[in-house]
Amino acid sequence: MRVVLQRVKNVSVKVNNKSVGEISGGLLLFVGVGQNDKENQADYLVEKIIKMRIFDDIDGKMNESLLDIGGQILVVSQFTLYADSTKGNRPSFMAAASGEKAENLYNYFVQKLRDKGIKVETGEFGANMEVGLLNDGPVTILLDTEAK
């Protein structure tokens, strides 16, 4: 699995000009699922993300986690995280999981975050979405379970 994590002051996602998710103060997670990904990788990412010390403490140092600050999460599915652009000018997405597998693992990941008592909003899986955000920092981190 691949996650692009962004620390945000606020973020919202719309589908067909209708708001489907919105948070303030926390993380925006773009989540891609690969062909060989499994639930244990989602479990690993959940623990890593909620405990990652990337929020400022009282001294302005990145020393607090999402759990420490009581932050929220907005999760957006993004199969394009598995783009392979090594050949030609049109990316290949062959490494991305099929729609059904990806949706199941995406939903599992979202539920595991919610099980931690965190407010989690989502986009709409497979939809064309408009994401509007105010990045905080900016802080952007790439997590890839293949690199683990």
N, C-alpha and C. Protein backbone atom coordinates (compact mmCIF):
# COMPACT_ATOMS: atom_id res chain seq x y z
N MET A 1 0.85 -1.17 0.00
CA MET A 1 0.00 0.00 0.00
C MET A 1 0.89 1.23 0.00
N ARG A 2 0.37 2.26 -0.60
CA ARG A 2 1.07 3.54 -0.62
C ARG A 2 0.13 4.62 -0.08
N VAL A 3 0.71 5.47 0.75
CA VAL A 3 -0.06 6.59 1.31
C VAL A 3 0.77 7.86 1.16
N VAL A 4 0.15 8.88 0.61
CA VAL A 4 0.72 10.22 0.66
C VAL A 4 -0.04 10.93 1.77
N LEU A 5 0.69 11.29 2.81
CA LEU A 5 0.13 11.90 4.02
C LEU A 5 0.44 13.38 3.98
N GLN A 6 -0.57 14.22 4.20
CA GLN A 6 -0.34 15.66 4.28
C GLN A 6 -0.97 16.19 5.55
N ARG A 7 -0.19 16.96 6.29
CA ARG A 7 -0.71 17.65 7.47
C ARG A 7 -1.51 18.85 6.97
N VAL A 8 -2.75 18.97 7.45
CA VAL A 8 -3.63 20.01 6.94
C VAL A 8 -4.31 20.78 8.06
N LYS A 9 -4.59 22.03 7.77
CA LYS A 9 -5.42 22.84 8.67
C LYS A 9 -6.89 22.54 8.41
N ASN A 10 -7.23 22.34 7.13
CA ASN A 10 -8.57 21.88 6.75
C ASN A 10 -8.51 21.29 5.35
N VAL A 11 -9.47 20.41 5.08
CA VAL A 11 -9.56 19.77 3.77
C VAL A 11 -11.00 19.33 3.54
N SER A 12 -11.42 19.44 2.29
CA SER A 12 -12.76 18.96 1.92
C SER A 12 -12.67 18.26 0.58
N VAL A 13 -13.61 17.37 0.35
CA VAL A 13 -13.67 16.65 -0.92
C VAL A 13 -15.10 16.70 -1.44
N LYS A 14 -15.21 16.97 -2.75
CA LYS A 14 -16.51 17.05 -3.40
C LYS A 14 -16.58 16.05 -4.55
N VAL A 15 -17.78 15.53 -4.77
CA VAL A 15 -18.09 14.70 -5.92
C VAL A 15 -19.32 15.32 -6.57
N ASN A 16 -19.22 15.65 -7.85
CA ASN A 16 -20.32 16.31 -8.56
C ASN A 16 -20.82 17.56 -7.83
N ASN A 17 -19.88 18.38 -7.39
CA ASN A 17 -20.17 19.63 -6.67
C ASN A 17 -20.87 19.44 -5.34
N LYS A 18 -20.91 18.23 -4.81
CA LYS A 18 -21.53 17.95 -3.52
C LYS A 18 -20.44 17.53 -2.54
N SER A 19 -20.41 18.17 -1.37
CA SER A 19 -19.43 17.82 -0.35
C SER A 19 -19.72 16.42 0.18
N VAL A 20 -18.67 15.57 0.19
CA VAL A 20 -18.83 14.22 0.72
C VAL A 20 -17.97 13.98 1.96
N GLY A 21 -17.02 14.89 2.23
CA GLY A 21 -16.18 14.75 3.41
C GLY A 21 -15.44 16.05 3.69
N GLU A 22 -15.24 16.33 4.98
CA GLU A 22 -14.55 17.56 5.37
C GLU A 22 -14.03 17.42 6.79
N ILE A 23 -12.79 17.88 7.01
CA ILE A 23 -12.22 17.89 8.36
C ILE A 23 -11.46 19.19 8.57
N SER A 24 -11.15 19.46 9.83
CA SER A 24 -10.25 20.57 10.15
C SER A 24 -9.25 20.06 11.18
N GLY A 25 -8.00 20.38 10.97
CA GLY A 25 -6.96 20.00 11.92
C GLY A 25 -6.63 18.54 11.93
N GLY A 26 -5.74 18.12 11.05
CA GLY A 26 -5.37 16.71 11.04
C GLY A 26 -4.60 16.31 9.80
N LEU A 27 -5.02 15.19 9.20
CA LEU A 27 -4.30 14.60 8.08
C LEU A 27 -5.20 14.32 6.89
N LEU A 28 -4.67 14.60 5.72
CA LEU A 28 -5.25 14.13 4.47
C LEU A 28 -4.41 12.94 4.03
N LEU A 29 -5.06 11.83 3.76
CA LEU A 29 -4.37 10.62 3.31
C LEU A 29 -4.85 10.23 1.93
N PHE A 30 -3.95 10.27 0.95
CA PHE A 30 -4.22 9.70 -0.36
C PHE A 30 -3.74 8.26 -0.28
N VAL A 31 -4.62 7.29 -0.57
CA VAL A 31 -4.31 5.87 -0.35
C VAL A 31 -4.41 5.10 -1.66
N GLY A 32 -3.32 4.40 -1.99
CA GLY A 32 -3.31 3.52 -3.15
C GLY A 32 -3.09 2.09 -2.71
N VAL A 33 -3.76 1.17 -3.37
CA VAL A 33 -3.65 -0.25 -3.05
C VAL A 33 -3.02 -0.97 -4.24
N GLY A 34 -1.98 -1.76 -3.94
CA GLY A 34 -1.30 -2.53 -4.98
C GLY A 34 -1.86 -3.94 -5.09
N GLN A 35 -1.51 -4.60 -6.17
CA GLN A 35 -2.02 -5.95 -6.45
C GLN A 35 -1.75 -6.96 -5.34
N ASN A 36 -0.61 -6.86 -4.67
CA ASN A 36 -0.22 -7.85 -3.67
C ASN A 36 -0.47 -7.42 -2.23
N ASP A 37 -1.14 -6.30 -2.04
CA ASP A 37 -1.34 -5.78 -0.69
C ASP A 37 -2.34 -6.61 0.10
N LYS A 38 -2.11 -6.64 1.42
CA LYS A 38 -2.93 -7.44 2.33
C LYS A 38 -3.31 -6.61 3.55
N GLU A 39 -4.22 -7.14 4.36
CA GLU A 39 -4.71 -6.44 5.54
C GLU A 39 -3.61 -6.09 6.53
N ASN A 40 -2.61 -6.95 6.67
CA ASN A 40 -1.54 -6.65 7.64
C ASN A 40 -0.77 -5.39 7.26
N GLN A 41 -0.72 -5.07 5.97
CA GLN A 41 -0.07 -3.83 5.54
C GLN A 41 -0.92 -2.62 5.93
N ALA A 42 -2.23 -2.76 5.81
CA ALA A 42 -3.12 -1.69 6.25
C ALA A 42 -3.01 -1.49 7.76
N ASP A 43 -2.93 -2.60 8.51
CA ASP A 43 -2.77 -2.51 9.97
C ASP A 43 -1.50 -1.75 10.33
N TYR A 44 -0.41 -2.08 9.65
CA TYR A 44 0.87 -1.41 9.89
C TYR A 44 0.75 0.09 9.63
N LEU A 45 0.14 0.46 8.50
CA LEU A 45 0.00 1.87 8.14
C LEU A 45 -0.86 2.63 9.14
N VAL A 46 -1.93 2.03 9.59
CA VAL A 46 -2.79 2.68 10.59
C VAL A 46 -1.98 3.04 11.82
N GLU A 47 -1.25 2.09 12.36
CA GLU A 47 -0.45 2.34 13.56
C GLU A 47 0.62 3.39 13.31
N LYS A 48 1.28 3.30 12.18
CA LYS A 48 2.34 4.25 11.83
C LYS A 48 1.78 5.67 11.72
N ILE A 49 0.67 5.81 11.03
CA ILE A 49 0.09 7.13 10.76
C ILE A 49 -0.40 7.80 12.04
N ILE A 50 -1.12 7.09 12.87
CA ILE A 50 -1.72 7.74 14.05
C ILE A 50 -0.68 8.07 15.12
N LYS A 51 0.48 7.41 15.06
CA LYS A 51 1.53 7.65 16.07
C LYS A 51 2.68 8.51 15.55
N MET A 52 2.66 8.84 14.25
CA MET A 52 3.74 9.62 13.67
C MET A 52 3.77 11.02 14.27
N ARG A 53 4.93 11.39 14.77
CA ARG A 53 5.08 12.67 15.48
C ARG A 53 5.42 13.78 14.49
N ILE A 54 4.37 14.35 13.89
CA ILE A 54 4.55 15.37 12.86
C ILE A 54 3.76 16.65 13.14
N PHE A 55 3.20 16.76 14.34
CA PHE A 55 2.48 17.97 14.73
C PHE A 55 3.31 18.72 15.76
N ASP A 56 3.22 20.04 15.71
CA ASP A 56 4.03 20.87 16.59
C ASP A 56 3.63 20.76 18.05
N ASP A 57 4.65 20.70 18.91
CA ASP A 57 4.42 20.76 20.35
C ASP A 57 4.41 22.23 20.77
N ILE A 58 4.38 22.48 22.05
CA ILE A 58 4.31 23.85 22.57
C ILE A 58 5.53 24.69 22.18
N ASP A 59 6.65 24.02 21.90
CA ASP A 59 7.87 24.71 21.49
C ASP A 59 8.01 24.84 19.97
N GLY A 60 6.99 24.40 19.24
CA GLY A 60 7.02 24.50 17.79
C GLY A 60 7.82 23.41 17.10
N LYS A 61 8.14 22.33 17.82
CA LYS A 61 8.86 21.21 17.24
C LYS A 61 7.89 20.10 16.89
N MET A 62 8.16 19.40 15.79
CA MET A 62 7.30 18.28 15.41
C MET A 62 7.54 17.14 16.38
N ASN A 63 6.66 17.06 17.39
CA ASN A 63 6.85 16.12 18.48
C ASN A 63 5.54 15.48 18.93
N GLU A 64 4.44 15.87 18.32
CA GLU A 64 3.11 15.39 18.71
C GLU A 64 2.53 14.53 17.59
N SER A 65 1.73 13.54 17.98
CA SER A 65 1.05 12.67 17.01
C SER A 65 -0.38 13.14 16.81
N LEU A 66 -1.03 12.53 15.84
CA LEU A 66 -2.46 12.80 15.60
C LEU A 66 -3.26 12.48 16.87
N LEU A 67 -2.91 11.40 17.54
CA LEU A 67 -3.59 11.04 18.78
C LEU A 67 -3.38 12.10 19.86
N ASP A 68 -2.15 12.64 19.95
CA ASP A 68 -1.83 13.65 20.95
C ASP A 68 -2.66 14.92 20.78
N ILE A 69 -2.89 15.31 19.53
CA ILE A 69 -3.60 16.58 19.28
C ILE A 69 -5.11 16.39 19.10
N GLY A 70 -5.58 15.15 19.09
CA GLY A 70 -7.00 14.90 18.85
C GLY A 70 -7.41 15.26 17.44
N GLY A 71 -6.52 15.00 16.48
CA GLY A 71 -6.76 15.37 15.09
C GLY A 71 -7.72 14.44 14.37
N GLN A 72 -8.10 14.88 13.18
CA GLN A 72 -9.04 14.16 12.33
C GLN A 72 -8.33 13.71 11.05
N ILE A 73 -8.97 12.82 10.31
CA ILE A 73 -8.39 12.30 9.07
C ILE A 73 -9.43 12.32 7.96
N LEU A 74 -8.98 12.71 6.76
CA LEU A 74 -9.79 12.54 5.56
C LEU A 74 -9.01 11.61 4.64
N VAL A 75 -9.64 10.52 4.21
CA VAL A 75 -9.00 9.50 3.38
C VAL A 75 -9.60 9.56 1.97
N VAL A 76 -8.70 9.62 0.98
CA VAL A 76 -9.10 9.67 -0.42
C VAL A 76 -8.40 8.54 -1.17
N SER A 77 -9.16 7.73 -1.88
CA SER A 77 -8.57 6.65 -2.67
C SER A 77 -7.87 7.25 -3.88
N GLN A 78 -6.69 6.70 -4.21
CA GLN A 78 -5.93 7.23 -5.34
C GLN A 78 -5.07 6.14 -5.96
N PHE A 79 -5.65 5.44 -6.93
CA PHE A 79 -4.93 4.35 -7.59
C PHE A 79 -3.72 4.87 -8.37
N THR A 80 -3.70 6.16 -8.70
CA THR A 80 -2.59 6.70 -9.48
C THR A 80 -1.27 6.72 -8.70
N LEU A 81 -1.31 6.42 -7.41
CA LEU A 81 -0.07 6.29 -6.65
C LEU A 81 0.75 5.10 -7.15
N TYR A 82 0.11 4.22 -7.91
CA TYR A 82 0.80 3.06 -8.49
C TYR A 82 1.14 3.27 -9.96
N ALA A 83 1.19 4.51 -10.41
CA ALA A 83 1.54 4.80 -11.80
C ALA A 83 2.99 4.41 -12.08
N ASP A 84 3.20 3.80 -13.22
CA ASP A 84 4.53 3.49 -13.70
C ASP A 84 4.73 4.29 -14.98
N SER A 85 5.63 5.25 -14.92
CA SER A 85 5.85 6.12 -16.08
C SER A 85 7.22 5.91 -16.71
N THR A 86 7.79 4.71 -16.53
CA THR A 86 9.13 4.45 -17.05
C THR A 86 9.16 4.28 -18.57
N LYS A 87 8.04 3.90 -19.16
CA LYS A 87 7.99 3.71 -20.62
C LYS A 87 7.00 4.69 -21.21
N GLY A 88 7.43 5.43 -22.19
CA GLY A 88 6.54 6.33 -22.91
C GLY A 88 6.03 7.46 -22.05
N ASN A 89 4.96 8.08 -22.53
CA ASN A 89 4.40 9.24 -21.85
C ASN A 89 3.05 9.00 -21.20
N ARG A 90 2.53 7.80 -21.38
CA ARG A 90 1.26 7.46 -20.74
C ARG A 90 1.54 6.48 -19.62
N PRO A 91 1.23 6.86 -18.37
CA PRO A 91 1.51 5.96 -17.25
C PRO A 91 0.70 4.66 -17.33
N SER A 92 1.31 3.60 -16.84
CA SER A 92 0.65 2.31 -16.71
C SER A 92 0.22 2.15 -15.25
N PHE A 93 -0.93 1.56 -15.05
CA PHE A 93 -1.44 1.34 -13.70
C PHE A 93 -1.60 -0.14 -13.39
N MET A 94 -0.81 -0.96 -14.06
CA MET A 94 -0.90 -2.41 -13.91
C MET A 94 -0.58 -2.88 -12.50
N ALA A 95 0.21 -2.13 -11.76
CA ALA A 95 0.59 -2.54 -10.40
C ALA A 95 -0.51 -2.25 -9.38
N ALA A 96 -1.49 -1.44 -9.76
CA ALA A 96 -2.60 -1.13 -8.86
C ALA A 96 -3.53 -2.34 -8.75
N ALA A 97 -4.12 -2.51 -7.59
CA ALA A 97 -5.07 -3.61 -7.38
C ALA A 97 -6.33 -3.38 -8.21
N SER A 98 -7.03 -4.47 -8.51
CA SER A 98 -8.31 -4.36 -9.21
C SER A 98 -9.29 -3.57 -8.34
N GLY A 99 -10.31 -3.03 -8.96
CA GLY A 99 -11.28 -2.20 -8.25
C GLY A 99 -11.87 -2.84 -7.00
N GLU A 100 -12.32 -4.09 -7.11
CA GLU A 100 -12.97 -4.75 -5.97
C GLU A 100 -11.98 -4.99 -4.83
N LYS A 101 -10.80 -5.50 -5.16
CA LYS A 101 -9.79 -5.75 -4.12
C LYS A 101 -9.37 -4.44 -3.47
N ALA A 102 -9.12 -3.42 -4.28
CA ALA A 102 -8.69 -2.13 -3.77
C ALA A 102 -9.76 -1.52 -2.86
N GLU A 103 -11.00 -1.59 -3.28
CA GLU A 103 -12.08 -1.02 -2.47
C GLU A 103 -12.22 -1.74 -1.14
N ASN A 104 -12.10 -3.06 -1.16
CA ASN A 104 -12.21 -3.83 0.09
C ASN A 104 -11.09 -3.46 1.06
N LEU A 105 -9.85 -3.37 0.58
CA LEU A 105 -8.73 -3.04 1.45
C LEU A 105 -8.79 -1.57 1.89
N TYR A 106 -9.24 -0.70 1.01
CA TYR A 106 -9.44 0.72 1.36
C TYR A 106 -10.47 0.83 2.49
N ASN A 107 -11.59 0.14 2.37
CA ASN A 107 -12.63 0.18 3.41
C ASN A 107 -12.12 -0.42 4.72
N TYR A 108 -11.34 -1.47 4.64
CA TYR A 108 -10.74 -2.08 5.82
C TYR A 108 -9.84 -1.06 6.52
N PHE A 109 -9.00 -0.38 5.76
CA PHE A 109 -8.09 0.65 6.28
C PHE A 109 -8.87 1.76 6.98
N VAL A 110 -9.91 2.25 6.34
CA VAL A 110 -10.74 3.32 6.93
C VAL A 110 -11.38 2.84 8.23
N GLN A 111 -11.91 1.63 8.25
CA GLN A 111 -12.55 1.11 9.46
C GLN A 111 -11.55 0.95 10.59
N LYS A 112 -10.34 0.50 10.28
CA LYS A 112 -9.31 0.35 11.31
C LYS A 112 -8.95 1.71 11.92
N LEU A 113 -8.91 2.76 11.12
CA LEU A 113 -8.69 4.11 11.65
C LEU A 113 -9.83 4.51 12.58
N ARG A 114 -11.05 4.26 12.15
CA ARG A 114 -12.22 4.61 12.97
C ARG A 114 -12.24 3.82 14.27
N ASP A 115 -11.79 2.58 14.21
CA ASP A 115 -11.74 1.74 15.41
C ASP A 115 -10.81 2.32 16.47
N LYS A 116 -9.91 3.19 16.07
CA LYS A 116 -8.99 3.85 17.01
C LYS A 116 -9.63 5.07 17.67
N GLY A 117 -10.90 5.35 17.36
CA GLY A 117 -11.61 6.47 17.97
C GLY A 117 -11.35 7.81 17.29
N ILE A 118 -10.82 7.77 16.09
CA ILE A 118 -10.50 8.98 15.34
C ILE A 118 -11.67 9.32 14.43
N LYS A 119 -11.97 10.63 14.33
CA LYS A 119 -12.98 11.06 13.35
C LYS A 119 -12.35 10.92 11.97
N VAL A 120 -12.98 10.09 11.13
CA VAL A 120 -12.47 9.84 9.78
C VAL A 120 -13.57 10.13 8.78
N GLU A 121 -13.26 11.00 7.84
CA GLU A 121 -14.12 11.28 6.70
C GLU A 121 -13.45 10.67 5.48
N THR A 122 -14.23 10.48 4.41
CA THR A 122 -13.67 9.89 3.20
C THR A 122 -14.20 10.61 1.97
N GLY A 123 -13.48 10.37 0.89
CA GLY A 123 -14.00 10.71 -0.42
C GLY A 123 -14.94 9.59 -0.85
N GLU A 124 -15.17 9.48 -2.14
CA GLU A 124 -16.02 8.41 -2.68
C GLU A 124 -15.14 7.52 -3.55
N PHE A 125 -14.99 6.28 -3.14
CA PHE A 125 -14.08 5.37 -3.84
C PHE A 125 -14.42 5.32 -5.33
N GLY A 126 -13.39 5.49 -6.16
CA GLY A 126 -13.54 5.36 -7.60
C GLY A 126 -14.14 6.56 -8.31
N ALA A 127 -14.55 7.57 -7.56
CA ALA A 127 -15.19 8.74 -8.17
C ALA A 127 -14.14 9.76 -8.59
N ASN A 128 -14.55 10.65 -9.49
CA ASN A 128 -13.73 11.80 -9.83
C ASN A 128 -14.00 12.85 -8.75
N MET A 129 -12.97 13.18 -7.99
CA MET A 129 -13.16 14.04 -6.81
C MET A 129 -12.40 15.35 -6.96
N GLU A 130 -12.92 16.37 -6.31
CA GLU A 130 -12.24 17.65 -6.18
C GLU A 130 -11.83 17.78 -4.72
N VAL A 131 -10.52 17.89 -4.48
CA VAL A 131 -10.00 17.98 -3.12
C VAL A 131 -9.45 19.39 -2.93
N GLY A 132 -9.99 20.07 -1.93
CA GLY A 132 -9.51 21.40 -1.58
C GLY A 132 -8.90 21.37 -0.20
N LEU A 133 -7.65 21.90 -0.07
CA LEU A 133 -7.00 21.80 1.22
C LEU A 133 -6.14 23.01 1.51
N LEU A 134 -5.93 23.22 2.80
CA LEU A 134 -4.96 24.18 3.29
C LEU A 134 -3.89 23.36 3.98
N ASN A 135 -2.76 23.17 3.28
CA ASN A 135 -1.66 22.37 3.79
C ASN A 135 -1.01 23.12 4.94
N ASP A 136 -0.58 22.39 5.95
CA ASP A 136 0.03 22.96 7.15
C ASP A 136 1.49 22.60 7.19
N GLY A 137 2.35 23.55 6.96
CA GLY A 137 3.79 23.32 7.03
C GLY A 137 4.53 23.87 5.81
N PRO A 138 4.45 23.28 4.68
CA PRO A 138 3.78 22.02 4.38
C PRO A 138 4.54 20.81 4.92
N VAL A 139 3.77 19.83 5.32
CA VAL A 139 4.32 18.54 5.73
C VAL A 139 3.66 17.49 4.85
N THR A 140 4.46 16.84 4.02
CA THR A 140 3.98 15.79 3.12
C THR A 140 4.95 14.62 3.22
N ILE A 141 4.41 13.43 3.48
CA ILE A 141 5.24 12.24 3.69
C ILE A 141 4.68 11.09 2.87
N LEU A 142 5.57 10.37 2.22
CA LEU A 142 5.20 9.19 1.44
C LEU A 142 5.47 7.95 2.28
N LEU A 143 4.47 7.11 2.43
CA LEU A 143 4.60 5.82 3.12
C LEU A 143 4.34 4.72 2.10
N ASP A 144 5.20 3.72 2.08
CA ASP A 144 5.08 2.63 1.10
C ASP A 144 5.41 1.33 1.82
N THR A 145 4.46 0.43 1.93
CA THR A 145 4.70 -0.83 2.63
C THR A 145 5.71 -1.72 1.91
N GLU A 146 5.92 -1.50 0.62
CA GLU A 146 6.93 -2.28 -0.11
C GLU A 146 8.32 -1.93 0.37
N ALA A 147 8.51 -0.70 0.85
CA ALA A 147 9.82 -0.26 1.31
C ALA A 147 10.11 -0.69 2.73
N LYS A 148 9.10 -1.22 3.41
CA LYS A 148 9.23 -1.63 4.82
C LYS A 148 10.16 -2.80 4.98
